[in-house]
Amino acid sequence: MTTVNESLTVLIERNTEFASEFATEPYEVAWAREARWFVVLDEPPNGVEFRLETEISPDGLDWCPLEDVQPHVAGSRVTSWSVRDFGGWLRVRGSVAGQGQVKGSIFLALKA
């Protein structure tokens, strides 16, 4: 029997300007066993603290932080972190602290 690895990469935010607090659009991931976020900024976040946190939801409406995953602080132009055991829906909640904003894209890579 041949098995096929199933995977999908989704562009969640494209060329978005992030300032203060934000949350991405939710994405249904119930079929996946593991996920990895990729955040690609136009420039490194100089002079601002860009914090990112994975949130989970059973229905795409009500959200809570994924336990045992510390908020991720982006310190370079490209950053990534993985998540597992997340249930039905994922999104990123983030914040920009300091003077300015950051601009970039957020990708979600999923594997069955």
PDB file of N, CA and C in Angstrom:
ATOM      1  N   MET A   1       0.841  -1.179   0.000  1.00  0.00           N
ATOM      2  CA  MET A   1       0.000   0.000   0.000  1.00  0.00           C
ATOM      3  C   MET A   1       0.878   1.231   0.000  1.00  0.00           C
ATOM      4  N   THR A   2       0.570   2.143  -0.871  1.00  0.00           N
ATOM      5  CA  THR A   2       1.314   3.381  -0.969  1.00  0.00           C
ATOM      6  C   THR A   2       0.609   4.463  -0.166  1.00  0.00           C
ATOM      7  N   THR A   3       1.383   5.192   0.604  1.00  0.00           N
ATOM      8  CA  THR A   3       0.800   6.319   1.344  1.00  0.00           C
ATOM      9  C   THR A   3       1.258   7.617   0.697  1.00  0.00           C
ATOM     10  N   VAL A   4       0.399   8.564   0.731  1.00  0.00           N
ATOM     11  CA  VAL A   4       0.697   9.876   0.164  1.00  0.00           C
ATOM     12  C   VAL A   4       0.728  10.893   1.293  1.00  0.00           C
ATOM     13  N   ASN A   5       1.816  11.596   1.377  1.00  0.00           N
ATOM     14  CA  ASN A   5       1.869  12.674   2.355  1.00  0.00           C
ATOM     15  C   ASN A   5       0.995  13.814   1.869  1.00  0.00           C
ATOM     16  N   GLU A   6       0.152  14.313   2.746  1.00  0.00           N
ATOM     17  CA  GLU A   6      -0.712  15.424   2.385  1.00  0.00           C
ATOM     18  C   GLU A   6      -0.240  16.667   3.116  1.00  0.00           C
ATOM     19  N   SER A   7      -0.106  17.717   2.357  1.00  0.00           N
ATOM     20  CA  SER A   7       0.311  18.979   2.959  1.00  0.00           C
ATOM     21  C   SER A   7      -0.329  20.136   2.199  1.00  0.00           C
ATOM     22  N   LEU A   8      -0.340  21.276   2.837  1.00  0.00           N
ATOM     23  CA  LEU A   8      -0.937  22.468   2.246  1.00  0.00           C
ATOM     24  C   LEU A   8      -0.281  23.692   2.878  1.00  0.00           C
ATOM     25  N   THR A   9       0.075  24.668   2.057  1.00  0.00           N
ATOM     26  CA  THR A   9       0.571  25.944   2.561  1.00  0.00           C
ATOM     27  C   THR A   9      -0.398  27.032   2.133  1.00  0.00           C
ATOM     28  N   VAL A  10      -0.821  27.830   3.099  1.00  0.00           N
ATOM     29  CA  VAL A  10      -1.844  28.844   2.869  1.00  0.00           C
ATOM     30  C   VAL A  10      -1.275  30.217   3.208  1.00  0.00           C
ATOM     31  N   LEU A  11      -1.547  31.175   2.337  1.00  0.00           N
ATOM     32  CA  LEU A  11      -1.181  32.568   2.609  1.00  0.00           C
ATOM     33  C   LEU A  11      -2.325  33.190   3.404  1.00  0.00           C
ATOM     34  N   ILE A  12      -2.083  33.484   4.671  1.00  0.00           N
ATOM     35  CA  ILE A  12      -3.127  33.997   5.562  1.00  0.00           C
ATOM     36  C   ILE A  12      -3.222  35.527   5.479  1.00  0.00           C
ATOM     37  N   GLU A  13      -2.090  36.203   5.464  1.00  0.00           N
ATOM     38  CA  GLU A  13      -2.033  37.669   5.340  1.00  0.00           C
ATOM     39  C   GLU A  13      -0.984  37.994   4.288  1.00  0.00           C
ATOM     40  N   ARG A  14      -1.297  38.913   3.367  1.00  0.00           N
ATOM     41  CA  ARG A  14      -0.366  39.255   2.298  1.00  0.00           C
ATOM     42  C   ARG A  14      -0.087  40.749   2.299  1.00  0.00           C
ATOM     43  N   ASN A  15       1.197  41.109   2.412  1.00  0.00           N
ATOM     44  CA  ASN A  15       1.627  42.517   2.384  1.00  0.00           C
ATOM     45  C   ASN A  15       0.771  43.369   3.312  1.00  0.00           C
ATOM     46  N   THR A  16       0.590  42.878   4.508  1.00  0.00           N
ATOM     47  CA  THR A  16      -0.251  43.541   5.501  1.00  0.00           C
ATOM     48  C   THR A  16       0.601  44.432   6.399  1.00  0.00           C
ATOM     49  N   GLU A  17       0.092  45.603   6.736  1.00  0.00           N
ATOM     50  CA  GLU A  17       0.758  46.474   7.701  1.00  0.00           C
ATOM     51  C   GLU A  17       0.196  46.161   9.077  1.00  0.00           C
ATOM     52  N   PHE A  18       1.075  45.754   9.985  1.00  0.00           N
ATOM     53  CA  PHE A  18       0.669  45.388  11.340  1.00  0.00           C
ATOM     54  C   PHE A  18       1.053  46.531  12.281  1.00  0.00           C
ATOM     55  N   ALA A  19       0.067  47.009  13.041  1.00  0.00           N
ATOM     56  CA  ALA A  19       0.300  48.062  14.024  1.00  0.00           C
ATOM     57  C   ALA A  19      -0.594  47.761  15.224  1.00  0.00           C
ATOM     58  N   SER A  20      -0.115  48.037  16.398  1.00  0.00           N
ATOM     59  CA  SER A  20      -0.807  47.744  17.657  1.00  0.00           C
ATOM     60  C   SER A  20      -1.232  46.281  17.713  1.00  0.00           C
ATOM     61  N   GLU A  21      -2.485  45.985  18.083  1.00  0.00           N
ATOM     62  CA  GLU A  21      -2.918  44.594  18.233  1.00  0.00           C
ATOM     63  C   GLU A  21      -3.714  44.164  17.011  1.00  0.00           C
ATOM     64  N   PHE A  22      -3.600  42.886  16.664  1.00  0.00           N
ATOM     65  CA  PHE A  22      -4.321  42.352  15.515  1.00  0.00           C
ATOM     66  C   PHE A  22      -4.529  40.855  15.684  1.00  0.00           C
ATOM     67  N   ALA A  23      -5.427  40.298  14.899  1.00  0.00           N
ATOM     68  CA  ALA A  23      -5.615  38.846  14.791  1.00  0.00           C
ATOM     69  C   ALA A  23      -5.823  38.535  13.313  1.00  0.00           C
ATOM     70  N   THR A  24      -5.240  37.446  12.855  1.00  0.00           N
ATOM     71  CA  THR A  24      -5.405  37.061  11.454  1.00  0.00           C
ATOM     72  C   THR A  24      -6.780  36.437  11.252  1.00  0.00           C
ATOM     73  N   GLU A  25      -7.128  36.250   9.996  1.00  0.00           N
ATOM     74  CA  GLU A  25      -8.332  35.485   9.688  1.00  0.00           C
ATOM     75  C   GLU A  25      -8.135  34.055  10.189  1.00  0.00           C
ATOM     76  N   PRO A  26      -9.190  33.407  10.671  1.00  0.00           N
ATOM     77  CA  PRO A  26      -9.053  32.022  11.125  1.00  0.00           C
ATOM     78  C   PRO A  26      -8.952  31.062   9.944  1.00  0.00           C
ATOM     79  N   TYR A  27      -8.335  29.911  10.198  1.00  0.00           N
ATOM     80  CA  TYR A  27      -8.232  28.896   9.152  1.00  0.00           C
ATOM     81  C   TYR A  27      -8.576  27.534   9.747  1.00  0.00           C
ATOM     82  N   GLU A  28      -9.454  26.784   9.066  1.00  0.00           N
ATOM     83  CA  GLU A  28      -9.885  25.477   9.572  1.00  0.00           C
ATOM     84  C   GLU A  28      -8.811  24.442   9.269  1.00  0.00           C
ATOM     85  N   VAL A  29      -8.370  23.733  10.307  1.00  0.00           N
ATOM     86  CA  VAL A  29      -7.230  22.823  10.181  1.00  0.00           C
ATOM     87  C   VAL A  29      -7.496  21.470  10.820  1.00  0.00           C
ATOM     88  N   ALA A  30      -8.750  21.104  10.976  1.00  0.00           N
ATOM     89  CA  ALA A  30      -9.089  19.877  11.715  1.00  0.00           C
ATOM     90  C   ALA A  30      -8.453  18.630  11.096  1.00  0.00           C
ATOM     91  N   TRP A  31      -8.193  18.628   9.800  1.00  0.00           N
ATOM     92  CA  TRP A  31      -7.611  17.467   9.128  1.00  0.00           C
ATOM     93  C   TRP A  31      -6.111  17.328   9.385  1.00  0.00           C
ATOM     94  N   ALA A  32      -5.443  18.388   9.814  1.00  0.00           N
ATOM     95  CA  ALA A  32      -3.986  18.389   9.947  1.00  0.00           C
ATOM     96  C   ALA A  32      -3.535  17.908  11.323  1.00  0.00           C
ATOM     97  N   ARG A  33      -2.347  17.297  11.351  1.00  0.00           N
ATOM     98  CA  ARG A  33      -1.768  16.875  12.623  1.00  0.00           C
ATOM     99  C   ARG A  33      -0.702  17.840  13.113  1.00  0.00           C
ATOM    100  N   GLU A  34      -0.077  18.546  12.194  1.00  0.00           N
ATOM    101  CA  GLU A  34       0.943  19.506  12.585  1.00  0.00           C
ATOM    102  C   GLU A  34       0.867  20.728  11.682  1.00  0.00           C
ATOM    103  N   ALA A  35       1.332  21.830  12.238  1.00  0.00           N
ATOM    104  CA  ALA A  35       1.291  23.093  11.503  1.00  0.00           C
ATOM    105  C   ALA A  35       2.545  23.894  11.822  1.00  0.00           C
ATOM    106  N   ARG A  36       2.909  24.760  10.890  1.00  0.00           N
ATOM    107  CA  ARG A  36       4.036  25.671  11.103  1.00  0.00           C
ATOM    108  C   ARG A  36       3.661  27.028  10.540  1.00  0.00           C
ATOM    109  N   TRP A  37       3.835  28.056  11.373  1.00  0.00           N
ATOM    110  CA  TRP A  37       3.629  29.439  10.941  1.00  0.00           C
ATOM    111  C   TRP A  37       4.915  29.982  10.370  1.00  0.00           C
ATOM    112  N   PHE A  38       4.822  30.746   9.291  1.00  0.00           N
ATOM    113  CA  PHE A  38       5.946  31.495   8.729  1.00  0.00           C
ATOM    114  C   PHE A  38       5.510  32.949   8.628  1.00  0.00           C
ATOM    115  N   VAL A  39       6.320  33.825   9.167  1.00  0.00           N
ATOM    116  CA  VAL A  39       6.065  35.261   9.049  1.00  0.00           C
ATOM    117  C   VAL A  39       7.238  35.862   8.293  1.00  0.00           C
ATOM    118  N   VAL A  40       6.944  36.473   7.154  1.00  0.00           N
ATOM    119  CA  VAL A  40       7.964  37.071   6.287  1.00  0.00           C
ATOM    120  C   VAL A  40       7.698  38.570   6.224  1.00  0.00           C
ATOM    121  N   LEU A  41       8.609  39.346   6.809  1.00  0.00           N
ATOM    122  CA  LEU A  41       8.458  40.805   6.846  1.00  0.00           C
ATOM    123  C   LEU A  41       9.253  41.446   5.722  1.00  0.00           C
ATOM    124  N   ASP A  42       8.827  42.628   5.318  1.00  0.00           N
ATOM    125  CA  ASP A  42       9.579  43.360   4.305  1.00  0.00           C
ATOM    126  C   ASP A  42      10.958  43.761   4.828  1.00  0.00           C
ATOM    127  N   GLU A  43      11.012  44.102   6.114  1.00  0.00           N
ATOM    128  CA  GLU A  43      12.265  44.494   6.762  1.00  0.00           C
ATOM    129  C   GLU A  43      12.271  43.930   8.175  1.00  0.00           C
ATOM    130  N   PRO A  44      13.435  43.723   8.790  1.00  0.00           N
ATOM    131  CA  PRO A  44      13.467  43.282  10.187  1.00  0.00           C
ATOM    132  C   PRO A  44      12.733  44.293  11.080  1.00  0.00           C
ATOM    133  N   PRO A  45      12.123  43.839  12.167  1.00  0.00           N
ATOM    134  CA  PRO A  45      11.340  44.749  13.032  1.00  0.00           C
ATOM    135  C   PRO A  45      12.238  45.593  13.930  1.00  0.00           C
ATOM    136  N   ASN A  46      12.947  46.543  13.369  1.00  0.00           N
ATOM    137  CA  ASN A  46      13.846  47.416  14.128  1.00  0.00           C
ATOM    138  C   ASN A  46      13.047  48.479  14.872  1.00  0.00           C
ATOM    139  N   GLY A  47      13.330  48.630  16.157  1.00  0.00           N
ATOM    140  CA  GLY A  47      12.694  49.679  16.946  1.00  0.00           C
ATOM    141  C   GLY A  47      11.304  49.330  17.452  1.00  0.00           C
ATOM    142  N   VAL A  48      10.795  48.147  17.115  1.00  0.00           N
ATOM    143  CA  VAL A  48       9.492  47.722  17.613  1.00  0.00           C
ATOM    144  C   VAL A  48       9.608  46.272  18.101  1.00  0.00           C
ATOM    145  N   GLU A  49       8.723  45.912  19.013  1.00  0.00           N
ATOM    146  CA  GLU A  49       8.635  44.515  19.446  1.00  0.00           C
ATOM    147  C   GLU A  49       7.415  43.911  18.762  1.00  0.00           C
ATOM    148  N   PHE A  50       7.643  42.904  17.945  1.00  0.00           N
ATOM    149  CA  PHE A  50       6.584  42.252  17.168  1.00  0.00           C
ATOM    150  C   PHE A  50       6.338  40.882  17.781  1.00  0.00           C
ATOM    151  N   ARG A  51       5.241  40.772  18.573  1.00  0.00           N
ATOM    152  CA  ARG A  51       4.924  39.531  19.292  1.00  0.00           C
ATOM    153  C   ARG A  51       3.803  38.798  18.565  1.00  0.00           C
ATOM    154  N   LEU A  52       3.947  37.473  18.501  1.00  0.00           N
ATOM    155  CA  LEU A  52       2.985  36.635  17.790  1.00  0.00           C
ATOM    156  C   LEU A  52       2.636  35.443  18.663  1.00  0.00           C
ATOM    157  N   GLU A  53       1.352  35.076  18.663  1.00  0.00           N
ATOM    158  CA  GLU A  53       0.889  33.984  19.516  1.00  0.00           C
ATOM    159  C   GLU A  53      -0.144  33.159  18.752  1.00  0.00           C
ATOM    160  N   THR A  54      -0.040  31.851  18.837  1.00  0.00           N
ATOM    161  CA  THR A  54      -1.021  30.975  18.204  1.00  0.00           C
ATOM    162  C   THR A  54      -2.258  30.877  19.072  1.00  0.00           C
ATOM    163  N   GLU A  55      -3.415  31.044  18.446  1.00  0.00           N
ATOM    164  CA  GLU A  55      -4.684  30.845  19.148  1.00  0.00           C
ATOM    165  C   GLU A  55      -5.453  29.708  18.485  1.00  0.00           C
ATOM    166  N   ILE A  56      -6.260  29.017  19.286  1.00  0.00           N
ATOM    167  CA  ILE A  56      -7.051  27.896  18.802  1.00  0.00           C
ATOM    168  C   ILE A  56      -8.527  28.134  19.100  1.00  0.00           C
ATOM    169  N   SER A  57      -9.371  27.405  18.339  1.00  0.00           N
ATOM    170  CA  SER A  57     -10.814  27.553  18.507  1.00  0.00           C
ATOM    171  C   SER A  57     -11.506  26.256  18.097  1.00  0.00           C
ATOM    172  N   PRO A  58     -12.601  25.905  18.785  1.00  0.00           N
ATOM    173  CA  PRO A  58     -13.363  24.733  18.354  1.00  0.00           C
ATOM    174  C   PRO A  58     -14.305  25.041  17.194  1.00  0.00           C
ATOM    175  N   ASP A  59     -14.623  26.345  16.991  1.00  0.00           N
ATOM    176  CA  ASP A  59     -15.654  26.705  16.017  1.00  0.00           C
ATOM    177  C   ASP A  59     -15.281  27.883  15.111  1.00  0.00           C
ATOM    178  N   GLY A  60     -14.097  28.459  15.279  1.00  0.00           N
ATOM    179  CA  GLY A  60     -13.702  29.614  14.486  1.00  0.00           C
ATOM    180  C   GLY A  60     -14.294  30.919  14.983  1.00  0.00           C
ATOM    181  N   LEU A  61     -14.983  30.869  16.118  1.00  0.00           N
ATOM    182  CA  LEU A  61     -15.614  32.069  16.671  1.00  0.00           C
ATOM    183  C   LEU A  61     -15.043  32.454  18.030  1.00  0.00           C
ATOM    184  N   ASP A  62     -14.838  31.463  18.888  1.00  0.00           N
ATOM    185  CA  ASP A  62     -14.342  31.696  20.248  1.00  0.00           C
ATOM    186  C   ASP A  62     -12.905  31.194  20.334  1.00  0.00           C
ATOM    187  N   TRP A  63     -11.998  32.038  20.881  1.00  0.00           N
ATOM    188  CA  TRP A  63     -10.565  31.779  20.800  1.00  0.00           C
ATOM    189  C   TRP A  63      -9.890  31.768  22.160  1.00  0.00           C
ATOM    190  N   CYS A  64      -8.807  30.983  22.255  1.00  0.00           N
ATOM    191  CA  CYS A  64      -7.950  30.986  23.425  1.00  0.00           C
ATOM    192  C   CYS A  64      -6.528  30.685  22.960  1.00  0.00           C
ATOM    193  N   PRO A  65      -5.525  31.058  23.777  1.00  0.00           N
ATOM    194  CA  PRO A  65      -4.137  30.748  23.404  1.00  0.00           C
ATOM    195  C   PRO A  65      -3.906  29.237  23.447  1.00  0.00           C
ATOM    196  N   LEU A  66      -3.047  28.747  22.550  1.00  0.00           N
ATOM    197  CA  LEU A  66      -2.645  27.342  22.584  1.00  0.00           C
ATOM    198  C   LEU A  66      -1.708  27.156  23.762  1.00  0.00           C
ATOM    199  N   GLU A  67      -2.067  26.241  24.669  1.00  0.00           N
ATOM    200  CA  GLU A  67      -1.270  26.055  25.872  1.00  0.00           C
ATOM    201  C   GLU A  67       0.109  25.505  25.521  1.00  0.00           C
ATOM    202  N   ASP A  68       1.064  25.755  26.394  1.00  0.00           N
ATOM    203  CA  ASP A  68       2.436  25.269  26.271  1.00  0.00           C
ATOM    204  C   ASP A  68       3.176  25.835  25.062  1.00  0.00           C
ATOM    205  N   VAL A  69       2.647  26.867  24.407  1.00  0.00           N
ATOM    206  CA  VAL A  69       3.359  27.534  23.319  1.00  0.00           C
ATOM    207  C   VAL A  69       3.553  28.986  23.738  1.00  0.00           C
ATOM    208  N   GLN A  70       4.785  29.363  23.963  1.00  0.00           N
ATOM    209  CA  GLN A  70       5.100  30.717  24.381  1.00  0.00           C
ATOM    210  C   GLN A  70       4.902  31.682  23.210  1.00  0.00           C
ATOM    211  N   PRO A  71       4.499  32.927  23.506  1.00  0.00           N
ATOM    212  CA  PRO A  71       4.442  33.922  22.427  1.00  0.00           C
ATOM    213  C   PRO A  71       5.793  34.026  21.732  1.00  0.00           C
ATOM    214  N   HIS A  72       5.740  34.202  20.426  1.00  0.00           N
ATOM    215  CA  HIS A  72       6.939  34.264  19.608  1.00  0.00           C
ATOM    216  C   HIS A  72       7.262  35.726  19.335  1.00  0.00           C
ATOM    217  N   VAL A  73       8.505  36.136  19.566  1.00  0.00           N
ATOM    218  CA  VAL A  73       8.925  37.501  19.292  1.00  0.00           C
ATOM    219  C   VAL A  73       9.782  37.473  18.026  1.00  0.00           C
ATOM    220  N   ALA A  74       9.292  38.136  16.987  1.00  0.00           N
ATOM    221  CA  ALA A  74      10.013  38.161  15.717  1.00  0.00           C
ATOM    222  C   ALA A  74      11.196  39.110  15.843  1.00  0.00           C
ATOM    223  N   GLY A  75      12.393  38.587  15.651  1.00  0.00           N
ATOM    224  CA  GLY A  75      13.596  39.405  15.734  1.00  0.00           C
ATOM    225  C   GLY A  75      14.330  39.536  14.420  1.00  0.00           C
ATOM    226  N   SER A  76      13.804  38.899  13.395  1.00  0.00           N
ATOM    227  CA  SER A  76      14.446  38.969  12.084  1.00  0.00           C
ATOM    228  C   SER A  76      13.369  39.085  11.007  1.00  0.00           C
ATOM    229  N   ARG A  77      13.792  39.198   9.757  1.00  0.00           N
ATOM    230  CA  ARG A  77      12.837  39.388   8.663  1.00  0.00           C
ATOM    231  C   ARG A  77      11.945  38.167   8.461  1.00  0.00           C
ATOM    232  N   VAL A  78      12.497  36.966   8.659  1.00  0.00           N
ATOM    233  CA  VAL A  78      11.719  35.735   8.508  1.00  0.00           C
ATOM    234  C   VAL A  78      11.775  34.973   9.821  1.00  0.00           C
ATOM    235  N   THR A  79      10.600  34.573  10.300  1.00  0.00           N
ATOM    236  CA  THR A  79      10.545  33.796  11.534  1.00  0.00           C
ATOM    237  C   THR A  79       9.510  32.691  11.387  1.00  0.00           C
ATOM    238  N   SER A  80       9.619  31.643  12.215  1.00  0.00           N
ATOM    239  CA  SER A  80       8.733  30.499  12.112  1.00  0.00           C
ATOM    240  C   SER A  80       8.643  29.791  13.453  1.00  0.00           C
ATOM    241  N   TRP A  81       7.506  29.135  13.692  1.00  0.00           N
ATOM    242  CA  TRP A  81       7.344  28.285  14.855  1.00  0.00           C
ATOM    243  C   TRP A  81       6.289  27.232  14.526  1.00  0.00           C
ATOM    244  N   SER A  82       6.396  26.079  15.192  1.00  0.00           N
ATOM    245  CA  SER A  82       5.484  24.975  14.901  1.00  0.00           C
ATOM    246  C   SER A  82       4.476  24.803  16.029  1.00  0.00           C
ATOM    247  N   VAL A  83       3.346  24.173  15.701  1.00  0.00           N
ATOM    248  CA  VAL A  83       2.309  23.872  16.686  1.00  0.00           C
ATOM    249  C   VAL A  83       1.729  22.486  16.391  1.00  0.00           C
ATOM    250  N   ARG A  84       1.276  21.828  17.445  1.00  0.00           N
ATOM    251  CA  ARG A  84       0.646  20.507  17.342  1.00  0.00           C
ATOM    252  C   ARG A  84      -0.516  20.453  18.322  1.00  0.00           C
ATOM    253  N   ASP A  85      -1.375  19.442  18.156  1.00  0.00           N
ATOM    254  CA  ASP A  85      -2.499  19.225  19.079  1.00  0.00           C
ATOM    255  C   ASP A  85      -3.356  20.475  19.213  1.00  0.00           C
ATOM    256  N   PHE A  86      -3.829  20.982  18.088  1.00  0.00           N
ATOM    257  CA  PHE A  86      -4.509  22.277  18.108  1.00  0.00           C
ATOM    258  C   PHE A  86      -6.011  22.217  17.877  1.00  0.00           C
ATOM    259  N   GLY A  87      -6.577  21.120  17.483  1.00  0.00           N
ATOM    260  CA  GLY A  87      -8.018  21.071  17.302  1.00  0.00           C
ATOM    261  C   GLY A  87      -8.455  21.547  15.933  1.00  0.00           C
ATOM    262  N   GLY A  88      -9.567  22.286  15.872  1.00  0.00           N
ATOM    263  CA  GLY A  88     -10.206  22.574  14.599  1.00  0.00           C
ATOM    264  C   GLY A  88      -9.787  23.827  13.858  1.00  0.00           C
ATOM    265  N   TRP A  89      -9.424  24.894  14.566  1.00  0.00           N
ATOM    266  CA  TRP A  89      -9.139  26.171  13.916  1.00  0.00           C
ATOM    267  C   TRP A  89      -7.877  26.804  14.500  1.00  0.00           C
ATOM    268  N   LEU A  90      -7.153  27.537  13.648  1.00  0.00           N
ATOM    269  CA  LEU A  90      -5.955  28.267  14.075  1.00  0.00           C
ATOM    270  C   LEU A  90      -6.021  29.708  13.581  1.00  0.00           C
ATOM    271  N   ARG A  91      -5.367  30.573  14.329  1.00  0.00           N
ATOM    272  CA  ARG A  91      -5.097  31.935  13.873  1.00  0.00           C
ATOM    273  C   ARG A  91      -3.926  32.461  14.689  1.00  0.00           C
ATOM    274  N   VAL A  92      -3.408  33.603  14.292  1.00  0.00           N
ATOM    275  CA  VAL A  92      -2.333  34.274  15.025  1.00  0.00           C
ATOM    276  C   VAL A  92      -2.876  35.558  15.607  1.00  0.00           C
ATOM    277  N   ARG A  93      -2.599  35.758  16.890  1.00  0.00           N
ATOM    278  CA  ARG A  93      -2.854  37.063  17.519  1.00  0.00           C
ATOM    279  C   ARG A  93      -1.491  37.705  17.713  1.00  0.00           C
ATOM    280  N   GLY A  94      -1.394  38.969  17.377  1.00  0.00           N
ATOM    281  CA  GLY A  94      -0.106  39.634  17.482  1.00  0.00           C
ATOM    282  C   GLY A  94      -0.223  41.051  17.976  1.00  0.00           C
ATOM    283  N   SER A  95       0.937  41.624  18.271  1.00  0.00           N
ATOM    284  CA  SER A  95       0.973  43.014  18.697  1.00  0.00           C
ATOM    285  C   SER A  95       2.301  43.636  18.275  1.00  0.00           C
ATOM    286  N   VAL A  96       2.245  44.920  18.038  1.00  0.00           N
ATOM    287  CA  VAL A  96       3.436  45.703  17.730  1.00  0.00           C
ATOM    288  C   VAL A  96       3.560  46.741  18.831  1.00  0.00           C
ATOM    289  N   ALA A  97       4.673  46.701  19.573  1.00  0.00           N
ATOM    290  CA  ALA A  97       4.918  47.661  20.649  1.00  0.00           C
ATOM    291  C   ALA A  97       6.094  48.541  20.250  1.00  0.00           C
ATOM    292  N   GLY A  98       5.967  49.832  20.508  1.00  0.00           N
ATOM    293  CA  GLY A  98       7.023  50.770  20.140  1.00  0.00           C
ATOM    294  C   GLY A  98       6.544  51.681  19.031  1.00  0.00           C
ATOM    295  N   GLN A  99       7.437  52.511  18.562  1.00  0.00           N
ATOM    296  CA  GLN A  99       7.102  53.462  17.501  1.00  0.00           C
ATOM    297  C   GLN A  99       7.205  52.780  16.146  1.00  0.00           C
ATOM    298  N   GLY A 100       6.138  52.838  15.391  1.00  0.00           N
ATOM    299  CA  GLY A 100       6.185  52.301  14.035  1.00  0.00           C
ATOM    300  C   GLY A 100       5.291  51.102  13.833  1.00  0.00           C
ATOM    301  N   GLN A 101       5.483  50.473  12.718  1.00  0.00           N
ATOM    302  CA  GLN A 101       4.711  49.311  12.329  1.00  0.00           C
ATOM    303  C   GLN A 101       5.609  48.389  11.529  1.00  0.00           C
ATOM    304  N   VAL A 102       5.113  47.193  11.260  1.00  0.00           N
ATOM    305  CA  VAL A 102       5.832  46.258  10.408  1.00  0.00           C
ATOM    306  C   VAL A 102       4.889  45.840   9.283  1.00  0.00           C
ATOM    307  N   LYS A 103       5.482  45.452   8.158  1.00  0.00           N
ATOM    308  CA  LYS A 103       4.696  45.042   7.007  1.00  0.00           C
ATOM    309  C   LYS A 103       5.225  43.702   6.514  1.00  0.00           C
ATOM    310  N   GLY A 104       4.307  42.801   6.198  1.00  0.00           N
ATOM    311  CA  GLY A 104       4.749  41.507   5.706  1.00  0.00           C
ATOM    312  C   GLY A 104       3.600  40.550   5.476  1.00  0.00           C
ATOM    313  N   SER A 105       3.937  39.276   5.367  1.00  0.00           N
ATOM    314  CA  SER A 105       2.967  38.230   5.065  1.00  0.00           C
ATOM    315  C   SER A 105       3.069  37.106   6.086  1.00  0.00           C
ATOM    316  N   ILE A 106       1.941  36.413   6.292  1.00  0.00           N
ATOM    317  CA  ILE A 106       1.894  35.280   7.224  1.00  0.00           C
ATOM    318  C   ILE A 106       1.393  34.063   6.459  1.00  0.00           C
ATOM    319  N   PHE A 107       2.171  32.982   6.529  1.00  0.00           N
ATOM    320  CA  PHE A 107       1.836  31.724   5.873  1.00  0.00           C
ATOM    321  C   PHE A 107       1.585  30.660   6.939  1.00  0.00           C
ATOM    322  N   LEU A 108       0.718  29.700   6.608  1.00  0.00           N
ATOM    323  CA  LEU A 108       0.460  28.558   7.474  1.00  0.00           C
ATOM    324  C   LEU A 108       0.698  27.293   6.652  1.00  0.00           C
ATOM    325  N   ALA A 109       1.677  26.486   7.060  1.00  0.00           N
ATOM    326  CA  ALA A 109       1.983  25.219   6.386  1.00  0.00           C
ATOM    327  C   ALA A 109       1.420  24.077   7.232  1.00  0.00           C
ATOM    328  N   LEU A 110       0.623  23.204   6.610  1.00  0.00           N
ATOM    329  CA  LEU A 110      -0.071  22.133   7.329  1.00  0.00           C
ATOM    330  C   LEU A 110       0.333  20.777   6.760  1.00  0.00           C
ATOM    331  N   LYS A 111       0.388  19.762   7.645  1.00  0.00           N
ATOM    332  CA  LYS A 111       0.647  18.390   7.225  1.00  0.00           C
ATOM    333  C   LYS A 111      -0.357  17.471   7.892  1.00  0.00           C
ATOM    334  N   ALA A 112      -0.860  16.514   7.110  1.00  0.00           N
ATOM    335  CA  ALA A 112      -1.814  15.530   7.648  1.00  0.00           C
ATOM    336  C   ALA A 112      -1.091  14.534   8.528  1.00  0.00           C
TER     337      ALA A 112
END
